[in-house]
Amino acid sequence: MTCRLGPTRRRTLRVTVALLALFSLFYYGAVFLKYHDRQPTVSVGEKGNIKDRGPLMPSLREGPQTPQRTGGDTSVINLHSNASVQTIPLVLIVSMMRSGTTFTGEVFRSYPESFYLFEPMQFLTNNIGVNNITFVNGTTRFYDRSQLHELHAVTIINLLLCRFESVPVGVFKTSHFLYHNHLKQFYNCVRGLRDDDASMGEKCIPSLRQKCEKGSSRVIKLITVRMEAISHVMKLLPEVYVIHLVRDPRGALLSQINVGQVDKSKISNESESHCSNLKKDVAVTKRDICFRRNFYRQRYEDLAREPLQQFSGLFEFVNLKFHQFVQNRIRSIAMAKGVVRRCLYCSDKGDAKAASQRWRSTAHFSTVTEIQKQCAGVMAELGYIQVNSTTHLKDTNVSLTL
């Protein structure tokens, strides 16, 4: 599947097509009217999308589809049916575990009236190929694990476009919707109807859709979705902005050990797996021409070292004003010099620069050496410097980035 044209080129193409259509109308009009009544009837959906019988699995050849009940019609979603989509920034923050996404997401969430979703894909990541997937509209299907990227992409687009009826119910039942208070009312509604999916769709989803549609921006933080899926999103929704947040694998993996996500005794295998995924993600962004626009790779260490300057660049990238509320939030959670808050899953780091380097003071050189052995290639590609001694490791005055 090739990339769709960007907004400017699409407008030019539309004008050209419109002129050709007017010219053709006079010539073929009589023929069309003569044979029109003989043609089979086709149901036309929203803004001219044709409804036809089709598979329940969303097809990325034509665009994300709205899942329907078995035997029902399947219509291709019109990605531009909501005019506001063209003016509201749609942002994906994509990374891996313990790489600064909670911190980065909190800064974007602080933008006035931002609609922010915290890790909505974890349900799909954990259940595709294992359990049936039930959608808000009542459809229940089993998806093979090989369809993970495809379903991730379709679900992300439906979330960005506030089309929640086409999103798996389980996405809305996770505790991640309680992570930020701006969705607490919705989460409480869902929790009260946890075993009644139909009522949840009728009573809870409308309020979420209203909040989404009124949002000044729509931002989703993702650590369980790989760039292969994001590539599909960018091809189908070229307006989306993708921030690829990367962190030094040594810091990310040692942080995972610290929170109990990784067994230190298996650090060799874990390092190989982590850096293999990171290397694949980077390769996809270099391979696919869709990533040549609306794509920004950001090192977490740079963000922590110069938060105001770096976030200013990110907000300019996604076409959002670097609002004073946002700057104040950055100063509050990232610029308390010398203060390192030791919370495991919070966005308030105190001194973000010190927090990003804390792993160097606690890590064993042998562990770091093993990570470097497995991750040397991708570390070099992203501009991370290997340490060659315990002294080098512990001296935080010496930068490990190029």
Protein backbone atom coordinates (compact mmCIF):
# COMPACT_ATOMS: atom_id res chain seq x y z
CA MET A 1 0.00 0.00 0.00
CA THR A 2 1.40 3.37 -0.99
CA CYS A 3 1.25 6.59 1.00
CA ARG A 4 -1.75 8.81 0.48
CA LEU A 5 -1.16 12.31 -0.81
CA GLY A 6 -0.70 15.10 1.72
CA PRO A 7 -3.41 17.81 2.13
CA THR A 8 -1.93 20.29 -0.42
CA ARG A 9 -1.41 17.75 -3.16
CA ARG A 10 -4.85 16.26 -2.50
CA ARG A 11 -6.47 19.70 -2.95
CA THR A 12 -4.66 20.19 -6.27
CA LEU A 13 -5.72 16.74 -7.39
CA ARG A 14 -9.33 17.42 -6.38
CA VAL A 15 -9.42 20.60 -8.49
CA THR A 16 -8.03 18.75 -11.50
CA VAL A 17 -10.48 15.89 -11.09
CA ALA A 18 -13.37 18.33 -10.67
CA LEU A 19 -12.54 20.11 -13.96
CA LEU A 20 -12.27 16.81 -15.79
CA ALA A 21 -15.54 15.69 -14.27
CA LEU A 22 -17.36 18.84 -15.47
CA PHE A 23 -15.97 18.39 -18.97
CA SER A 24 -17.00 14.75 -19.04
CA LEU A 25 -20.44 15.47 -17.65
CA PHE A 26 -21.66 17.20 -20.81
CA TYR A 27 -20.37 14.46 -23.09
CA TYR A 28 -21.47 11.43 -21.11
CA GLY A 29 -24.53 12.93 -19.42
CA ALA A 30 -27.00 11.63 -21.96
CA VAL A 31 -25.53 8.14 -21.86
CA PHE A 32 -25.57 8.12 -18.09
CA LEU A 33 -29.22 9.17 -17.89
CA LYS A 34 -30.20 6.60 -20.50
CA TYR A 35 -28.75 3.64 -18.66
CA HIS A 36 -28.92 4.84 -15.05
CA ASP A 37 -32.14 3.00 -14.23
CA ARG A 38 -30.68 -0.29 -15.42
CA GLN A 39 -27.77 -0.24 -12.96
CA PRO A 40 -27.76 -2.23 -9.70
CA THR A 41 -28.60 -0.22 -6.60
CA VAL A 42 -25.65 0.71 -4.38
CA SER A 43 -26.06 2.12 -0.88
CA VAL A 44 -23.99 5.26 -0.41
CA GLY A 45 -22.65 5.94 3.07
CA GLU A 46 -21.43 9.11 4.73
CA LYS A 47 -20.04 11.66 2.26
CA GLY A 48 -20.16 9.27 -0.69
CA ASN A 49 -18.47 6.19 0.78
CA ILE A 50 -19.92 3.09 -0.85
CA LYS A 51 -21.34 0.42 1.39
CA ASP A 52 -20.92 -3.14 0.17
CA ARG A 53 -20.69 -6.61 1.60
CA GLY A 54 -17.21 -7.32 2.87
CA PRO A 55 -15.05 -9.03 5.47
CA LEU A 56 -15.30 -8.06 9.12
CA MET A 57 -11.54 -7.65 9.35
CA PRO A 58 -10.74 -3.99 8.59
CA SER A 59 -8.94 -3.81 5.25
CA LEU A 60 -5.97 -1.49 5.00
CA ARG A 61 -6.06 -1.63 1.22
CA GLU A 62 -8.96 0.83 1.15
CA GLY A 63 -8.77 2.40 4.58
CA PRO A 64 -9.90 1.62 8.12
CA GLN A 65 -13.36 0.14 8.32
CA THR A 66 -16.11 0.20 10.87
CA PRO A 67 -16.65 -3.36 12.12
CA GLN A 68 -20.28 -4.45 11.78
CA ARG A 69 -22.32 -7.33 13.13
CA THR A 70 -21.97 -10.61 11.25
CA GLY A 71 -23.88 -10.40 7.99
CA GLY A 72 -24.10 -6.60 8.10
CA ASP A 73 -22.67 -4.05 5.74
CA THR A 74 -19.06 -2.96 6.06
CA SER A 75 -18.43 0.65 5.07
CA VAL A 76 -15.11 2.34 4.53
CA ILE A 77 -14.58 5.18 6.98
CA ASN A 78 -14.35 8.61 5.40
CA LEU A 79 -11.23 9.93 7.09
CA HIS A 80 -12.17 13.53 6.31
CA SER A 81 -15.88 13.44 7.13
CA ASN A 82 -15.18 15.56 10.21
CA ALA A 83 -13.89 18.91 8.99
CA SER A 84 -12.31 19.64 12.36
CA VAL A 85 -9.82 16.80 11.80
CA GLN A 86 -8.01 19.01 9.31
CA THR A 87 -7.35 21.73 11.90
CA ILE A 88 -6.94 19.81 15.17
CA PRO A 89 -3.44 18.31 15.65
CA LEU A 90 -3.54 14.52 15.85
CA VAL A 91 -0.43 13.33 17.69
CA LEU A 92 1.05 9.90 18.43
CA ILE A 93 3.88 9.56 20.96
CA VAL A 94 5.44 6.19 20.17
CA SER A 95 8.19 4.53 22.16
CA MET A 96 9.13 1.54 24.30
CA MET A 97 8.77 0.83 27.99
CA ARG A 98 10.58 3.16 30.43
CA SER A 99 11.62 5.61 27.74
CA GLY A 100 10.03 8.85 28.92
CA THR A 101 6.56 8.61 27.34
CA THR A 102 4.66 9.27 30.58
CA PHE A 103 6.68 12.44 31.13
CA THR A 104 6.31 13.55 27.50
CA GLY A 105 2.62 12.70 27.40
CA GLU A 106 1.97 14.70 30.56
CA VAL A 107 3.43 17.80 28.94
CA PHE A 108 1.14 17.42 25.91
CA ARG A 109 -1.81 16.67 28.18
CA SER A 110 -1.22 19.98 29.98
CA TYR A 111 -2.13 21.91 26.82
CA PRO A 112 -5.53 23.57 27.45
CA GLU A 113 -8.47 21.32 26.43
CA SER A 114 -6.20 18.60 25.06
CA PHE A 115 -7.79 15.15 24.61
CA TYR A 116 -5.14 12.71 25.80
CA LEU A 117 -5.22 8.90 25.92
CA PHE A 118 -2.74 6.94 28.02
CA GLU A 119 -1.80 3.51 26.58
CA PRO A 120 -5.16 2.48 25.06
CA MET A 121 -3.59 -0.33 22.99
CA GLN A 122 -2.47 -2.57 25.84
CA PHE A 123 -5.77 -4.49 25.80
CA LEU A 124 -5.37 -5.40 22.13
CA THR A 125 -1.69 -6.23 22.51
CA ASN A 126 -2.50 -8.67 25.30
CA ASN A 127 -5.65 -10.24 23.80
CA ILE A 128 -5.24 -10.56 20.02
CA GLY A 129 -4.67 -14.21 19.20
CA VAL A 130 -5.76 -15.21 22.71
CA ASN A 131 -9.36 -14.09 23.27
CA ASN A 132 -12.32 -12.94 21.21
CA ILE A 133 -12.41 -9.19 20.59
CA THR A 134 -15.78 -7.49 21.15
CA PHE A 135 -16.45 -4.02 19.76
CA VAL A 136 -18.72 -1.32 21.19
CA ASN A 137 -21.14 -1.85 18.29
CA GLY A 138 -21.64 -5.49 19.33
CA THR A 139 -19.39 -7.30 16.87
CA THR A 140 -17.37 -10.17 18.33
CA ARG A 141 -14.49 -11.68 16.38
CA PHE A 142 -11.34 -13.70 16.94
CA TYR A 143 -8.23 -12.21 15.34
CA ASP A 144 -5.05 -14.09 14.63
CA ARG A 145 -1.84 -12.73 16.11
CA SER A 146 -0.60 -11.99 12.60
CA GLN A 147 -3.29 -9.29 12.37
CA LEU A 148 -1.94 -7.35 15.35
CA HIS A 149 -0.37 -4.44 13.42
CA GLU A 150 -3.42 -4.09 11.20
CA LEU A 151 -5.92 -3.97 14.06
CA HIS A 152 -3.65 -1.66 16.05
CA ALA A 153 -3.62 0.77 13.13
CA VAL A 154 -7.37 0.74 12.56
CA THR A 155 -8.09 1.17 16.27
CA ILE A 156 -5.65 4.06 16.61
CA ILE A 157 -7.30 5.87 13.69
CA ASN A 158 -10.77 5.31 15.12
CA LEU A 159 -9.62 6.72 18.46
CA LEU A 160 -8.05 9.78 16.80
CA LEU A 161 -11.27 10.41 14.85
CA CYS A 162 -13.52 9.86 17.92
CA ARG A 163 -15.20 6.85 16.26
CA PHE A 164 -15.50 4.91 19.50
CA GLU A 165 -18.32 2.63 18.35
CA SER A 166 -15.71 0.87 16.19
CA VAL A 167 -13.22 0.39 19.04
CA PRO A 168 -12.95 -2.85 21.08
CA VAL A 169 -14.87 -2.59 24.35
CA GLY A 170 -11.87 -3.85 26.33
CA VAL A 171 -9.90 -0.74 25.41
CA PHE A 172 -12.25 1.33 27.58
CA LYS A 173 -12.23 -1.04 30.55
CA THR A 174 -8.56 -0.75 31.49
CA SER A 175 -7.36 1.25 34.47
CA HIS A 176 -5.35 3.48 32.13
CA PHE A 177 -8.46 5.59 31.61
CA LEU A 178 -8.16 6.53 35.29
CA TYR A 179 -4.57 7.71 34.92
CA HIS A 180 -5.66 11.30 34.23
CA ASN A 181 -8.55 13.00 35.97
CA HIS A 182 -9.96 14.50 32.76
CA LEU A 183 -11.34 11.01 31.92
CA LYS A 184 -12.25 9.97 35.45
CA GLN A 185 -15.98 10.58 34.93
CA PHE A 186 -15.97 8.33 31.87
CA TYR A 187 -13.99 5.63 33.66
CA ASN A 188 -16.41 5.63 36.60
CA CYS A 189 -19.31 5.29 34.16
CA VAL A 190 -17.66 2.28 32.51
CA ARG A 191 -16.76 0.71 35.84
CA GLY A 192 -20.39 0.88 36.91
CA LEU A 193 -21.42 -0.98 33.75
CA ARG A 194 -18.41 -3.25 33.37
CA ASP A 195 -20.47 -6.35 32.49
CA ASP A 196 -23.06 -4.53 30.37
CA ASP A 197 -21.38 -3.60 27.10
CA ALA A 198 -24.56 -2.41 25.40
CA SER A 199 -25.39 0.03 28.21
CA MET A 200 -21.79 1.20 28.30
CA GLY A 201 -22.00 2.09 24.62
CA GLU A 202 -25.24 4.00 25.14
CA LYS A 203 -24.49 5.75 28.44
CA CYS A 204 -20.71 6.27 28.57
CA ILE A 205 -19.40 6.58 25.02
CA PRO A 206 -21.40 9.74 24.07
CA SER A 207 -19.72 11.81 26.79
CA LEU A 208 -16.28 10.56 25.73
CA ARG A 209 -17.01 11.38 22.10
CA GLN A 210 -18.11 14.88 23.06
CA LYS A 211 -14.89 15.46 24.99
CA CYS A 212 -12.85 14.10 22.09
CA GLU A 213 -14.58 16.24 19.47
CA LYS A 214 -14.15 19.38 21.56
CA GLY A 215 -10.46 18.73 22.20
CA SER A 216 -7.95 21.35 21.06
CA SER A 217 -5.63 18.46 20.15
CA ARG A 218 -5.84 14.67 20.29
CA VAL A 219 -2.79 12.90 21.65
CA ILE A 220 -2.17 9.18 22.22
CA LYS A 221 0.84 7.72 24.08
CA LEU A 222 1.87 4.24 22.92
CA ILE A 223 4.57 1.81 24.09
CA THR A 224 3.08 -1.52 22.94
CA VAL A 225 2.62 -0.53 19.28
CA ARG A 226 5.44 -0.97 16.81
CA MET A 227 6.28 1.30 13.87
CA GLU A 228 4.97 -1.28 11.42
CA ALA A 229 1.48 -0.43 12.67
CA ILE A 230 2.23 3.30 12.77
CA SER A 231 3.29 3.08 9.12
CA HIS A 232 -0.23 1.91 8.26
CA VAL A 233 -1.69 4.79 10.26
CA MET A 234 0.42 7.36 8.40
CA LYS A 235 -0.57 5.95 5.02
CA LEU A 236 -4.26 6.14 5.85
CA LEU A 237 -4.23 9.33 7.89
CA PRO A 238 -1.42 11.55 6.56
CA GLU A 239 -2.44 14.42 8.84
CA VAL A 240 -1.18 12.55 11.91
CA TYR A 241 2.03 13.72 13.62
CA VAL A 242 4.30 10.98 14.94
CA ILE A 243 6.86 11.61 17.68
CA HIS A 244 9.24 8.66 18.00
CA LEU A 245 10.68 8.96 21.50
CA VAL A 246 13.87 6.93 21.96
CA ARG A 247 15.96 6.34 25.05
CA ASP A 248 19.43 4.90 25.64
CA PRO A 249 18.72 1.13 25.84
CA ARG A 250 20.94 0.91 28.93
CA GLY A 251 18.80 3.38 30.81
CA ALA A 252 15.52 1.89 29.54
CA LEU A 253 16.44 -1.70 30.40
CA LEU A 254 17.92 -0.91 33.80
CA SER A 255 14.77 1.04 34.61
CA GLN A 256 12.71 -1.99 33.56
CA ILE A 257 14.76 -4.09 35.97
CA ASN A 258 14.14 -1.52 38.68
CA VAL A 259 10.33 -1.74 38.33
CA GLY A 260 10.30 -5.54 38.07
CA GLN A 261 9.45 -5.77 34.37
CA VAL A 262 12.73 -7.47 33.46
CA ASP A 263 14.61 -10.26 35.25
CA LYS A 264 18.22 -9.16 35.71
CA SER A 265 19.43 -12.73 35.29
CA LYS A 266 17.97 -12.70 31.77
CA ILE A 267 19.41 -9.35 30.75
CA SER A 268 21.16 -10.77 27.69
CA ASN A 269 17.95 -12.10 26.14
CA GLU A 270 15.95 -9.08 27.24
CA SER A 271 18.52 -6.72 25.74
CA GLU A 272 18.49 -8.62 22.46
CA SER A 273 14.68 -8.48 22.30
CA HIS A 274 14.45 -4.82 23.27
CA CYS A 275 17.08 -3.64 20.80
CA SER A 276 15.81 -5.89 18.04
CA ASN A 277 12.41 -4.18 18.28
CA LEU A 278 14.04 -0.76 18.49
CA LYS A 279 16.19 -1.52 15.45
CA LYS A 280 13.12 -2.69 13.48
CA ASP A 281 11.24 0.48 14.43
CA VAL A 282 14.09 2.68 13.22
CA ALA A 283 14.37 0.63 10.02
CA VAL A 284 10.67 1.07 9.24
CA THR A 285 10.92 4.84 9.64
CA LYS A 286 13.82 4.90 7.18
CA ARG A 287 12.24 2.51 4.71
CA ASP A 288 8.77 4.01 4.40
CA ILE A 289 8.44 7.32 2.58
CA CYS A 290 5.47 8.24 4.77
CA PHE A 291 7.94 8.98 7.56
CA ARG A 292 9.58 11.70 5.51
CA ARG A 293 6.86 14.10 6.65
CA ASN A 294 5.08 14.64 9.95
CA PHE A 295 7.70 12.51 11.72
CA TYR A 296 10.06 13.60 14.51
CA ARG A 297 12.55 11.40 16.33
CA GLN A 298 13.30 12.74 19.80
CA ARG A 299 15.90 11.44 22.24
CA TYR A 300 14.63 11.37 25.80
CA GLU A 301 18.04 12.43 27.13
CA ASP A 302 17.93 15.65 25.07
CA LEU A 303 14.39 16.32 26.26
CA ALA A 304 15.46 15.88 29.89
CA ARG A 305 18.58 18.02 29.50
CA GLU A 306 16.86 21.00 27.83
CA PRO A 307 13.13 20.54 28.41
CA LEU A 308 11.90 24.02 27.48
CA GLN A 309 13.94 24.23 24.31
CA GLN A 310 13.21 20.68 23.17
CA PHE A 311 9.48 20.80 23.94
CA SER A 312 9.26 24.13 22.14
CA GLY A 313 10.52 22.33 19.04
CA LEU A 314 8.04 19.48 19.49
CA PHE A 315 5.08 21.82 19.87
CA GLU A 316 6.15 23.75 16.78
CA PHE A 317 6.38 20.43 14.93
CA VAL A 318 2.77 19.49 15.74
CA ASN A 319 1.54 23.02 15.02
CA LEU A 320 0.55 23.85 18.60
CA LYS A 321 1.30 27.08 20.42
CA PHE A 322 3.89 26.64 23.16
CA HIS A 323 1.33 27.79 25.71
CA GLN A 324 2.33 29.37 29.00
CA PHE A 325 0.38 26.63 30.84
CA VAL A 326 2.62 24.08 29.14
CA GLN A 327 5.81 25.95 30.00
CA ASN A 328 4.72 26.22 33.64
CA ARG A 329 4.00 22.50 33.74
CA ILE A 330 7.45 21.72 32.34
CA ARG A 331 9.11 23.89 34.99
CA SER A 332 7.03 22.15 37.65
CA ILE A 333 7.78 18.54 36.70
CA ALA A 334 11.19 18.74 35.06
CA MET A 335 13.23 21.71 36.26
CA ALA A 336 13.49 21.40 40.05
CA LYS A 337 17.29 21.33 40.01
CA GLY A 338 18.85 18.71 42.26
CA VAL A 339 15.50 17.11 43.18
CA VAL A 340 15.05 13.52 41.95
CA ARG A 341 11.69 12.02 42.89
CA ARG A 342 11.91 8.25 43.09
CA CYS A 343 8.40 7.37 41.97
CA LEU A 344 8.18 4.46 39.54
CA TYR A 345 5.33 5.51 37.26
CA CYS A 346 4.95 9.26 37.70
CA SER A 347 5.54 12.14 35.30
CA ASP A 348 6.89 14.52 37.95
CA LYS A 349 10.62 13.85 37.90
CA GLY A 350 11.78 16.97 39.73
CA ASP A 351 15.12 17.38 37.98
CA ALA A 352 14.50 15.55 34.69
CA LYS A 353 18.16 15.65 33.64
CA ALA A 354 19.32 14.04 36.89
CA ALA A 355 16.50 11.49 36.74
CA SER A 356 17.43 10.45 33.19
CA GLN A 357 21.02 9.73 34.31
CA ARG A 358 20.26 8.03 37.63
CA TRP A 359 20.80 4.54 36.19
CA ARG A 360 24.50 5.31 35.77
CA SER A 361 25.07 5.63 39.51
CA THR A 362 23.38 2.30 40.39
CA ALA A 363 24.25 0.03 37.44
CA HIS A 364 26.94 -2.64 37.51
CA PHE A 365 29.49 -2.28 34.74
CA SER A 366 29.10 -5.97 33.81
CA THR A 367 25.34 -5.51 33.26
CA VAL A 368 25.90 -2.41 31.15
CA THR A 369 28.55 -4.25 29.11
CA GLU A 370 26.09 -7.05 28.31
CA ILE A 371 23.46 -4.55 27.16
CA GLN A 372 26.04 -2.79 24.99
CA LYS A 373 27.01 -6.10 23.39
CA GLN A 374 23.43 -6.79 22.33
CA CYS A 375 22.57 -3.21 21.39
CA ALA A 376 25.77 -1.80 19.88
CA GLY A 377 24.36 -1.30 16.39
CA VAL A 378 21.18 0.58 17.25
CA MET A 379 22.98 2.57 19.97
CA ALA A 380 25.47 3.85 17.41
CA GLU A 381 22.67 4.63 14.95
CA LEU A 382 20.85 6.74 17.55
CA GLY A 383 24.00 8.49 18.76
CA TYR A 384 24.69 6.76 22.09
CA ILE A 385 28.29 6.30 23.27
CA GLN A 386 29.45 3.05 24.87
CA VAL A 387 31.19 3.15 28.26
CA ASN A 388 34.55 1.42 28.58
CA SER A 389 35.06 1.37 32.35
CA THR A 390 33.30 1.72 35.66
CA THR A 391 34.77 5.22 36.01
CA HIS A 392 33.40 6.20 32.63
CA LEU A 393 29.99 4.80 33.57
CA LYS A 394 29.73 6.61 36.91
CA ASP A 395 30.96 10.04 35.75
CA THR A 396 27.68 11.76 34.89
CA ASN A 397 29.55 14.89 33.87
CA VAL A 398 30.60 12.97 30.75
CA SER A 399 27.76 12.77 28.23
CA LEU A 400 26.88 9.44 26.64
CA THR A 401 25.22 11.06 23.62
CA LEU A 402 26.80 12.45 20.48
